[in-house]
Amino acid sequence: MDSSTSQIVTETSTRSVIKGITWRIVATFSTIIIAYFITGETKIALQIGGIEFIAKIAVYYLHERIWLRISFGKKKLPDPVEFEI
């Protein structure tokens, strides 16, 4: 993205889904490690991680979409000035 011009952008549903999946991979890996240290059982740790992965993708997606509708902390940027040289 060119930082020399102001652009008003929003996030698509697809981008929210992809962000959710990549974050879940990282977060689920840490959950599996923690579950393994607590239980000492690889199978149980993987089961916990699998359940957590699926459930939290949905929760994260909903969280992102809700926050897109909340105006708190957003600034309305002026429209970029267009001109011909």
PDB file of N, CA and C in Angstrom:
ATOM      1  N   MET A   1       0.845  -1.178   0.000  1.00  0.00           N
ATOM      2  CA  MET A   1       0.000   0.000   0.000  1.00  0.00           C
ATOM      3  C   MET A   1       0.885   1.233   0.000  1.00  0.00           C
ATOM      4  N   ASP A   2       0.566   2.184  -0.823  1.00  0.00           N
ATOM      5  CA  ASP A   2       1.306   3.430  -0.924  1.00  0.00           C
ATOM      6  C   ASP A   2       0.951   4.306   0.270  1.00  0.00           C
ATOM      7  N   SER A   3       1.948   4.637   1.099  1.00  0.00           N
ATOM      8  CA  SER A   3       1.681   5.422   2.298  1.00  0.00           C
ATOM      9  C   SER A   3       1.611   6.918   2.021  1.00  0.00           C
ATOM     10  N   SER A   4       1.871   7.345   0.791  1.00  0.00           N
ATOM     11  CA  SER A   4       1.855   8.769   0.489  1.00  0.00           C
ATOM     12  C   SER A   4       0.443   9.300   0.251  1.00  0.00           C
ATOM     13  N   THR A   5      -0.524   8.439   0.080  1.00  0.00           N
ATOM     14  CA  THR A   5      -1.905   8.881  -0.102  1.00  0.00           C
ATOM     15  C   THR A   5      -2.784   8.235   0.950  1.00  0.00           C
ATOM     16  N   SER A   6      -3.783   8.985   1.396  1.00  0.00           N
ATOM     17  CA  SER A   6      -4.729   8.435   2.360  1.00  0.00           C
ATOM     18  C   SER A   6      -5.765   7.615   1.617  1.00  0.00           C
ATOM     19  N   GLN A   7      -6.041   6.451   2.150  1.00  0.00           N
ATOM     20  CA  GLN A   7      -7.070   5.603   1.563  1.00  0.00           C
ATOM     21  C   GLN A   7      -7.984   5.114   2.671  1.00  0.00           C
ATOM     22  N   ILE A   8      -9.265   5.101   2.391  1.00  0.00           N
ATOM     23  CA  ILE A   8     -10.225   4.556   3.329  1.00  0.00           C
ATOM     24  C   ILE A   8     -10.436   3.104   2.929  1.00  0.00           C
ATOM     25  N   VAL A   9     -10.122   2.206   3.830  1.00  0.00           N
ATOM     26  CA  VAL A   9     -10.237   0.785   3.527  1.00  0.00           C
ATOM     27  C   VAL A   9     -11.049   0.094   4.608  1.00  0.00           C
ATOM     28  N   THR A  10     -11.574  -1.051   4.254  1.00  0.00           N
ATOM     29  CA  THR A  10     -12.247  -1.905   5.219  1.00  0.00           C
ATOM     30  C   THR A  10     -11.737  -3.317   5.001  1.00  0.00           C
ATOM     31  N   GLU A  11     -12.144  -4.205   5.833  1.00  0.00           N
ATOM     32  CA  GLU A  11     -11.670  -5.576   5.760  1.00  0.00           C
ATOM     33  C   GLU A  11     -12.784  -6.468   5.238  1.00  0.00           C
ATOM     34  N   THR A  12     -12.450  -7.340   4.288  1.00  0.00           N
ATOM     35  CA  THR A  12     -13.446  -8.260   3.750  1.00  0.00           C
ATOM     36  C   THR A  12     -13.655  -9.425   4.705  1.00  0.00           C
ATOM     37  N   SER A  13     -14.750 -10.121   4.524  1.00  0.00           N
ATOM     38  CA  SER A  13     -15.013 -11.321   5.321  1.00  0.00           C
ATOM     39  C   SER A  13     -13.934 -12.365   5.088  1.00  0.00           C
ATOM     40  N   THR A  14     -13.465 -12.487   3.855  1.00  0.00           N
ATOM     41  CA  THR A  14     -12.423 -13.470   3.538  1.00  0.00           C
ATOM     42  C   THR A  14     -11.149 -13.165   4.306  1.00  0.00           C
ATOM     43  N   ARG A  15     -10.758 -11.905   4.365  1.00  0.00           N
ATOM     44  CA  ARG A  15      -9.551 -11.532   5.106  1.00  0.00           C
ATOM     45  C   ARG A  15      -9.710 -11.877   6.590  1.00  0.00           C
ATOM     46  N   SER A  16     -10.887 -11.606   7.151  1.00  0.00           N
ATOM     47  CA  SER A  16     -11.136 -11.951   8.552  1.00  0.00           C
ATOM     48  C   SER A  16     -10.991 -13.451   8.780  1.00  0.00           C
ATOM     49  N   VAL A  17     -11.489 -14.253   7.849  1.00  0.00           N
ATOM     50  CA  VAL A  17     -11.383 -15.711   7.970  1.00  0.00           C
ATOM     51  C   VAL A  17      -9.920 -16.151   7.916  1.00  0.00           C
ATOM     52  N   ILE A  18      -9.150 -15.636   6.953  1.00  0.00           N
ATOM     53  CA  ILE A  18      -7.741 -16.017   6.818  1.00  0.00           C
ATOM     54  C   ILE A  18      -6.952 -15.607   8.056  1.00  0.00           C
ATOM     55  N   LYS A  19      -7.191 -14.403   8.565  1.00  0.00           N
ATOM     56  CA  LYS A  19      -6.527 -13.970   9.792  1.00  0.00           C
ATOM     57  C   LYS A  19      -6.888 -14.900  10.952  1.00  0.00           C
ATOM     58  N   GLY A  20      -8.147 -15.282  11.016  1.00  0.00           N
ATOM     59  CA  GLY A  20      -8.583 -16.186  12.080  1.00  0.00           C
ATOM     60  C   GLY A  20      -7.891 -17.531  12.013  1.00  0.00           C
ATOM     61  N   ILE A  21      -7.756 -18.073  10.818  1.00  0.00           N
ATOM     62  CA  ILE A  21      -7.120 -19.388  10.656  1.00  0.00           C
ATOM     63  C   ILE A  21      -5.641 -19.329  11.028  1.00  0.00           C
ATOM     64  N   THR A  22      -4.922 -18.322  10.525  1.00  0.00           N
ATOM     65  CA  THR A  22      -3.489 -18.254  10.834  1.00  0.00           C
ATOM     66  C   THR A  22      -3.251 -18.024  12.322  1.00  0.00           C
ATOM     67  N   TRP A  23      -4.083 -17.193  12.943  1.00  0.00           N
ATOM     68  CA  TRP A  23      -3.939 -16.993  14.382  1.00  0.00           C
ATOM     69  C   TRP A  23      -4.260 -18.278  15.138  1.00  0.00           C
ATOM     70  N   ARG A  24      -5.287 -18.991  14.707  1.00  0.00           N
ATOM     71  CA  ARG A  24      -5.659 -20.217  15.403  1.00  0.00           C
ATOM     72  C   ARG A  24      -4.550 -21.254  15.332  1.00  0.00           C
ATOM     73  N   ILE A  25      -3.835 -21.327  14.223  1.00  0.00           N
ATOM     74  CA  ILE A  25      -2.730 -22.281  14.122  1.00  0.00           C
ATOM     75  C   ILE A  25      -1.690 -21.986  15.198  1.00  0.00           C
ATOM     76  N   VAL A  26      -1.307 -20.729  15.327  1.00  0.00           N
ATOM     77  CA  VAL A  26      -0.323 -20.333  16.340  1.00  0.00           C
ATOM     78  C   VAL A  26      -0.865 -20.578  17.745  1.00  0.00           C
ATOM     79  N   ALA A  27      -2.084 -20.117  18.003  1.00  0.00           N
ATOM     80  CA  ALA A  27      -2.664 -20.236  19.335  1.00  0.00           C
ATOM     81  C   ALA A  27      -2.940 -21.690  19.714  1.00  0.00           C
ATOM     82  N   THR A  28      -3.387 -22.496  18.760  1.00  0.00           N
ATOM     83  CA  THR A  28      -3.670 -23.901  19.043  1.00  0.00           C
ATOM     84  C   THR A  28      -2.394 -24.660  19.364  1.00  0.00           C
ATOM     85  N   PHE A  29      -1.321 -24.342  18.671  1.00  0.00           N
ATOM     86  CA  PHE A  29      -0.041 -24.985  18.977  1.00  0.00           C
ATOM     87  C   PHE A  29       0.347 -24.717  20.431  1.00  0.00           C
ATOM     88  N   SER A  30       0.171 -23.483  20.890  1.00  0.00           N
ATOM     89  CA  SER A  30       0.507 -23.186  22.286  1.00  0.00           C
ATOM     90  C   SER A  30      -0.443 -23.905  23.241  1.00  0.00           C
ATOM     91  N   THR A  31      -1.712 -24.041  22.878  1.00  0.00           N
ATOM     92  CA  THR A  31      -2.666 -24.779  23.710  1.00  0.00           C
ATOM     93  C   THR A  31      -2.270 -26.247  23.824  1.00  0.00           C
ATOM     94  N   ILE A  32      -1.856 -26.834  22.708  1.00  0.00           N
ATOM     95  CA  ILE A  32      -1.427 -28.239  22.716  1.00  0.00           C
ATOM     96  C   ILE A  32      -0.221 -28.419  23.634  1.00  0.00           C
ATOM     97  N   ILE A  33       0.732 -27.513  23.555  1.00  0.00           N
ATOM     98  CA  ILE A  33       1.925 -27.594  24.413  1.00  0.00           C
ATOM     99  C   ILE A  33       1.532 -27.493  25.885  1.00  0.00           C
ATOM    100  N   ILE A  34       0.680 -26.521  26.212  1.00  0.00           N
ATOM    101  CA  ILE A  34       0.237 -26.355  27.603  1.00  0.00           C
ATOM    102  C   ILE A  34      -0.533 -27.586  28.069  1.00  0.00           C
ATOM    103  N   ALA A  35      -1.449 -28.088  27.237  1.00  0.00           N
ATOM    104  CA  ALA A  35      -2.230 -29.278  27.598  1.00  0.00           C
ATOM    105  C   ALA A  35      -1.319 -30.483  27.811  1.00  0.00           C
ATOM    106  N   TYR A  36      -0.276 -30.592  26.998  1.00  0.00           N
ATOM    107  CA  TYR A  36       0.666 -31.706  27.161  1.00  0.00           C
ATOM    108  C   TYR A  36       1.403 -31.595  28.496  1.00  0.00           C
ATOM    109  N   PHE A  37       1.849 -30.381  28.842  1.00  0.00           N
ATOM    110  CA  PHE A  37       2.556 -30.206  30.114  1.00  0.00           C
ATOM    111  C   PHE A  37       1.650 -30.494  31.304  1.00  0.00           C
ATOM    112  N   ILE A  38       0.374 -30.188  31.190  1.00  0.00           N
ATOM    113  CA  ILE A  38      -0.568 -30.433  32.287  1.00  0.00           C
ATOM    114  C   ILE A  38      -0.929 -31.911  32.386  1.00  0.00           C
ATOM    115  N   THR A  39      -1.217 -32.550  31.242  1.00  0.00           N
ATOM    116  CA  THR A  39      -1.701 -33.933  31.266  1.00  0.00           C
ATOM    117  C   THR A  39      -0.594 -34.962  31.092  1.00  0.00           C
ATOM    118  N   GLY A  40       0.467 -34.589  30.394  1.00  0.00           N
ATOM    119  CA  GLY A  40       1.523 -35.555  30.081  1.00  0.00           C
ATOM    120  C   GLY A  40       1.101 -36.543  29.004  1.00  0.00           C
ATOM    121  N   GLU A  41      -0.044 -36.314  28.382  1.00  0.00           N
ATOM    122  CA  GLU A  41      -0.600 -37.221  27.379  1.00  0.00           C
ATOM    123  C   GLU A  41      -0.691 -36.525  26.023  1.00  0.00           C
ATOM    124  N   THR A  42       0.026 -37.042  25.043  1.00  0.00           N
ATOM    125  CA  THR A  42       0.012 -36.455  23.708  1.00  0.00           C
ATOM    126  C   THR A  42      -1.378 -36.517  23.086  1.00  0.00           C
ATOM    127  N   LYS A  43      -2.037 -37.667  23.203  1.00  0.00           N
ATOM    128  CA  LYS A  43      -3.358 -37.836  22.595  1.00  0.00           C
ATOM    129  C   LYS A  43      -4.366 -36.835  23.160  1.00  0.00           C
ATOM    130  N   ILE A  44      -4.393 -36.681  24.466  1.00  0.00           N
ATOM    131  CA  ILE A  44      -5.324 -35.746  25.103  1.00  0.00           C
ATOM    132  C   ILE A  44      -4.991 -34.307  24.701  1.00  0.00           C
ATOM    133  N   ALA A  45      -3.709 -33.980  24.668  1.00  0.00           N
ATOM    134  CA  ALA A  45      -3.288 -32.628  24.281  1.00  0.00           C
ATOM    135  C   ALA A  45      -3.742 -32.308  22.859  1.00  0.00           C
ATOM    136  N   LEU A  46      -3.606 -33.266  21.944  1.00  0.00           N
ATOM    137  CA  LEU A  46      -4.040 -33.066  20.561  1.00  0.00           C
ATOM    138  C   LEU A  46      -5.561 -32.948  20.457  1.00  0.00           C
ATOM    139  N   GLN A  47      -6.284 -33.732  21.252  1.00  0.00           N
ATOM    140  CA  GLN A  47      -7.744 -33.636  21.253  1.00  0.00           C
ATOM    141  C   GLN A  47      -8.208 -32.266  21.750  1.00  0.00           C
ATOM    142  N   ILE A  48      -7.605 -31.805  22.829  1.00  0.00           N
ATOM    143  CA  ILE A  48      -7.941 -30.479  23.355  1.00  0.00           C
ATOM    144  C   ILE A  48      -7.641 -29.414  22.300  1.00  0.00           C
ATOM    145  N   GLY A  49      -6.480 -29.518  21.675  1.00  0.00           N
ATOM    146  CA  GLY A  49      -6.103 -28.563  20.634  1.00  0.00           C
ATOM    147  C   GLY A  49      -7.064 -28.579  19.457  1.00  0.00           C
ATOM    148  N   GLY A  50      -7.514 -29.760  19.050  1.00  0.00           N
ATOM    149  CA  GLY A  50      -8.441 -29.871  17.923  1.00  0.00           C
ATOM    150  C   GLY A  50      -9.788 -29.233  18.207  1.00  0.00           C
ATOM    151  N   ILE A  51     -10.312 -29.489  19.387  1.00  0.00           N
ATOM    152  CA  ILE A  51     -11.594 -28.891  19.781  1.00  0.00           C
ATOM    153  C   ILE A  51     -11.460 -27.377  19.875  1.00  0.00           C
ATOM    154  N   GLU A  52     -10.385 -26.933  20.503  1.00  0.00           N
ATOM    155  CA  GLU A  52     -10.144 -25.502  20.679  1.00  0.00           C
ATOM    156  C   GLU A  52      -9.984 -24.802  19.331  1.00  0.00           C
ATOM    157  N   PHE A  53      -9.309 -25.438  18.383  1.00  0.00           N
ATOM    158  CA  PHE A  53      -9.071 -24.858  17.055  1.00  0.00           C
ATOM    159  C   PHE A  53     -10.385 -24.529  16.355  1.00  0.00           C
ATOM    160  N   ILE A  54     -11.273 -25.490  16.307  1.00  0.00           N
ATOM    161  CA  ILE A  54     -12.547 -25.307  15.601  1.00  0.00           C
ATOM    162  C   ILE A  54     -13.437 -24.284  16.310  1.00  0.00           C
ATOM    163  N   ALA A  55     -13.561 -24.406  17.618  1.00  0.00           N
ATOM    164  CA  ALA A  55     -14.447 -23.513  18.364  1.00  0.00           C
ATOM    165  C   ALA A  55     -13.987 -22.061  18.285  1.00  0.00           C
ATOM    166  N   LYS A  56     -12.711 -21.842  18.418  1.00  0.00           N
ATOM    167  CA  LYS A  56     -12.235 -20.464  18.495  1.00  0.00           C
ATOM    168  C   LYS A  56     -12.118 -19.774  17.143  1.00  0.00           C
ATOM    169  N   ILE A  57     -12.089 -20.509  16.046  1.00  0.00           N
ATOM    170  CA  ILE A  57     -12.152 -19.853  14.735  1.00  0.00           C
ATOM    171  C   ILE A  57     -13.488 -19.125  14.616  1.00  0.00           C
ATOM    172  N   ALA A  58     -14.553 -19.797  14.983  1.00  0.00           N
ATOM    173  CA  ALA A  58     -15.882 -19.182  14.902  1.00  0.00           C
ATOM    174  C   ALA A  58     -15.988 -17.982  15.840  1.00  0.00           C
ATOM    175  N   VAL A  59     -15.491 -18.122  17.052  1.00  0.00           N
ATOM    176  CA  VAL A  59     -15.559 -17.036  18.024  1.00  0.00           C
ATOM    177  C   VAL A  59     -14.747 -15.832  17.539  1.00  0.00           C
ATOM    178  N   TYR A  60     -13.556 -16.073  17.008  1.00  0.00           N
ATOM    179  CA  TYR A  60     -12.700 -14.983  16.520  1.00  0.00           C
ATOM    180  C   TYR A  60     -13.353 -14.265  15.342  1.00  0.00           C
ATOM    181  N   TYR A  61     -13.896 -15.011  14.408  1.00  0.00           N
ATOM    182  CA  TYR A  61     -14.551 -14.411  13.241  1.00  0.00           C
ATOM    183  C   TYR A  61     -15.684 -13.486  13.686  1.00  0.00           C
ATOM    184  N   LEU A  62     -16.529 -13.967  14.573  1.00  0.00           N
ATOM    185  CA  LEU A  62     -17.635 -13.145  15.067  1.00  0.00           C
ATOM    186  C   LEU A  62     -17.122 -11.898  15.781  1.00  0.00           C
ATOM    187  N   HIS A  63     -16.087 -12.054  16.582  1.00  0.00           N
ATOM    188  CA  HIS A  63     -15.483 -10.935  17.300  1.00  0.00           C
ATOM    189  C   HIS A  63     -14.994  -9.862  16.322  1.00  0.00           C
ATOM    190  N   GLU A  64     -14.291 -10.267  15.278  1.00  0.00           N
ATOM    191  CA  GLU A  64     -13.790  -9.325  14.268  1.00  0.00           C
ATOM    192  C   GLU A  64     -14.936  -8.604  13.562  1.00  0.00           C
ATOM    193  N   ARG A  65     -15.955  -9.336  13.167  1.00  0.00           N
ATOM    194  CA  ARG A  65     -17.064  -8.728  12.432  1.00  0.00           C
ATOM    195  C   ARG A  65     -17.853  -7.766  13.324  1.00  0.00           C
ATOM    196  N   ILE A  66     -18.000  -8.076  14.587  1.00  0.00           N
ATOM    197  CA  ILE A  66     -18.688  -7.169  15.515  1.00  0.00           C
ATOM    198  C   ILE A  66     -17.890  -5.878  15.668  1.00  0.00           C
ATOM    199  N   TRP A  67     -16.569  -5.997  15.854  1.00  0.00           N
ATOM    200  CA  TRP A  67     -15.741  -4.803  16.034  1.00  0.00           C
ATOM    201  C   TRP A  67     -15.713  -3.920  14.792  1.00  0.00           C
ATOM    202  N   LEU A  68     -15.906  -4.476  13.615  1.00  0.00           N
ATOM    203  CA  LEU A  68     -15.980  -3.643  12.414  1.00  0.00           C
ATOM    204  C   LEU A  68     -17.194  -2.717  12.449  1.00  0.00           C
ATOM    205  N   ARG A  69     -18.221  -3.088  13.193  1.00  0.00           N
ATOM    206  CA  ARG A  69     -19.447  -2.292  13.284  1.00  0.00           C
ATOM    207  C   ARG A  69     -19.396  -1.258  14.413  1.00  0.00           C
ATOM    208  N   ILE A  70     -18.384  -1.334  15.261  1.00  0.00           N
ATOM    209  CA  ILE A  70     -18.266  -0.423  16.401  1.00  0.00           C
ATOM    210  C   ILE A  70     -17.403   0.767  15.993  1.00  0.00           C
ATOM    211  N   SER A  71     -17.899   1.968  16.237  1.00  0.00           N
ATOM    212  CA  SER A  71     -17.176   3.162  15.800  1.00  0.00           C
ATOM    213  C   SER A  71     -16.082   3.594  16.773  1.00  0.00           C
ATOM    214  N   PHE A  72     -16.059   3.068  17.979  1.00  0.00           N
ATOM    215  CA  PHE A  72     -15.066   3.457  18.977  1.00  0.00           C
ATOM    216  C   PHE A  72     -13.645   3.322  18.430  1.00  0.00           C
ATOM    217  N   GLY A  73     -12.866   4.388  18.532  1.00  0.00           N
ATOM    218  CA  GLY A  73     -11.469   4.358  18.130  1.00  0.00           C
ATOM    219  C   GLY A  73     -11.210   4.510  16.646  1.00  0.00           C
ATOM    220  N   LYS A  74     -12.253   4.708  15.858  1.00  0.00           N
ATOM    221  CA  LYS A  74     -12.072   4.899  14.420  1.00  0.00           C
ATOM    222  C   LYS A  74     -12.042   6.389  14.114  1.00  0.00           C
ATOM    223  N   LYS A  75     -11.246   6.750  13.118  1.00  0.00           N
ATOM    224  CA  LYS A  75     -11.205   8.128  12.650  1.00  0.00           C
ATOM    225  C   LYS A  75     -11.685   8.161  11.213  1.00  0.00           C
ATOM    226  N   LYS A  76     -12.487   9.144  10.899  1.00  0.00           N
ATOM    227  CA  LYS A  76     -12.899   9.330   9.509  1.00  0.00           C
ATOM    228  C   LYS A  76     -11.816  10.143   8.829  1.00  0.00           C
ATOM    229  N   LEU A  77     -11.232   9.568   7.809  1.00  0.00           N
ATOM    230  CA  LEU A  77     -10.174  10.236   7.070  1.00  0.00           C
ATOM    231  C   LEU A  77     -10.775  11.082   5.961  1.00  0.00           C
ATOM    232  N   PRO A  78     -10.121  12.192   5.650  1.00  0.00           N
ATOM    233  CA  PRO A  78     -10.619  12.991   4.529  1.00  0.00           C
ATOM    234  C   PRO A  78     -10.437  12.225   3.225  1.00  0.00           C
ATOM    235  N   ASP A  79     -11.314  12.505   2.278  1.00  0.00           N
ATOM    236  CA  ASP A  79     -11.175  11.872   0.971  1.00  0.00           C
ATOM    237  C   ASP A  79      -9.857  12.314   0.347  1.00  0.00           C
ATOM    238  N   PRO A  80      -9.150  11.395  -0.293  1.00  0.00           N
ATOM    239  CA  PRO A  80      -7.899  11.782  -0.951  1.00  0.00           C
ATOM    240  C   PRO A  80      -8.176  12.812  -2.049  1.00  0.00           C
ATOM    241  N   VAL A  81      -7.275  13.746  -2.183  1.00  0.00           N
ATOM    242  CA  VAL A  81      -7.404  14.765  -3.222  1.00  0.00           C
ATOM    243  C   VAL A  81      -6.884  14.187  -4.527  1.00  0.00           C
ATOM    244  N   GLU A  82      -7.702  14.274  -5.560  1.00  0.00           N
ATOM    245  CA  GLU A  82      -7.285  13.772  -6.866  1.00  0.00           C
ATOM    246  C   GLU A  82      -7.029  14.954  -7.787  1.00  0.00           C
ATOM    247  N   PHE A  83      -5.935  14.895  -8.508  1.00  0.00           N
ATOM    248  CA  PHE A  83      -5.620  15.957  -9.450  1.00  0.00           C
ATOM    249  C   PHE A  83      -4.809  15.386 -10.603  1.00  0.00           C
ATOM    250  N   GLU A  84      -4.835  16.102 -11.705  1.00  0.00           N
ATOM    251  CA  GLU A  84      -4.079  15.688 -12.885  1.00  0.00           C
ATOM    252  C   GLU A  84      -2.885  16.603 -13.066  1.00  0.00           C
ATOM    253  N   ILE A  85      -1.810  16.035 -13.544  1.00  0.00           N
ATOM    254  CA  ILE A  85      -0.602  16.828 -13.801  1.00  0.00           C
ATOM    255  C   ILE A  85      -0.482  17.072 -15.285  1.00  0.00           C
TER     256      ILE A  85
END
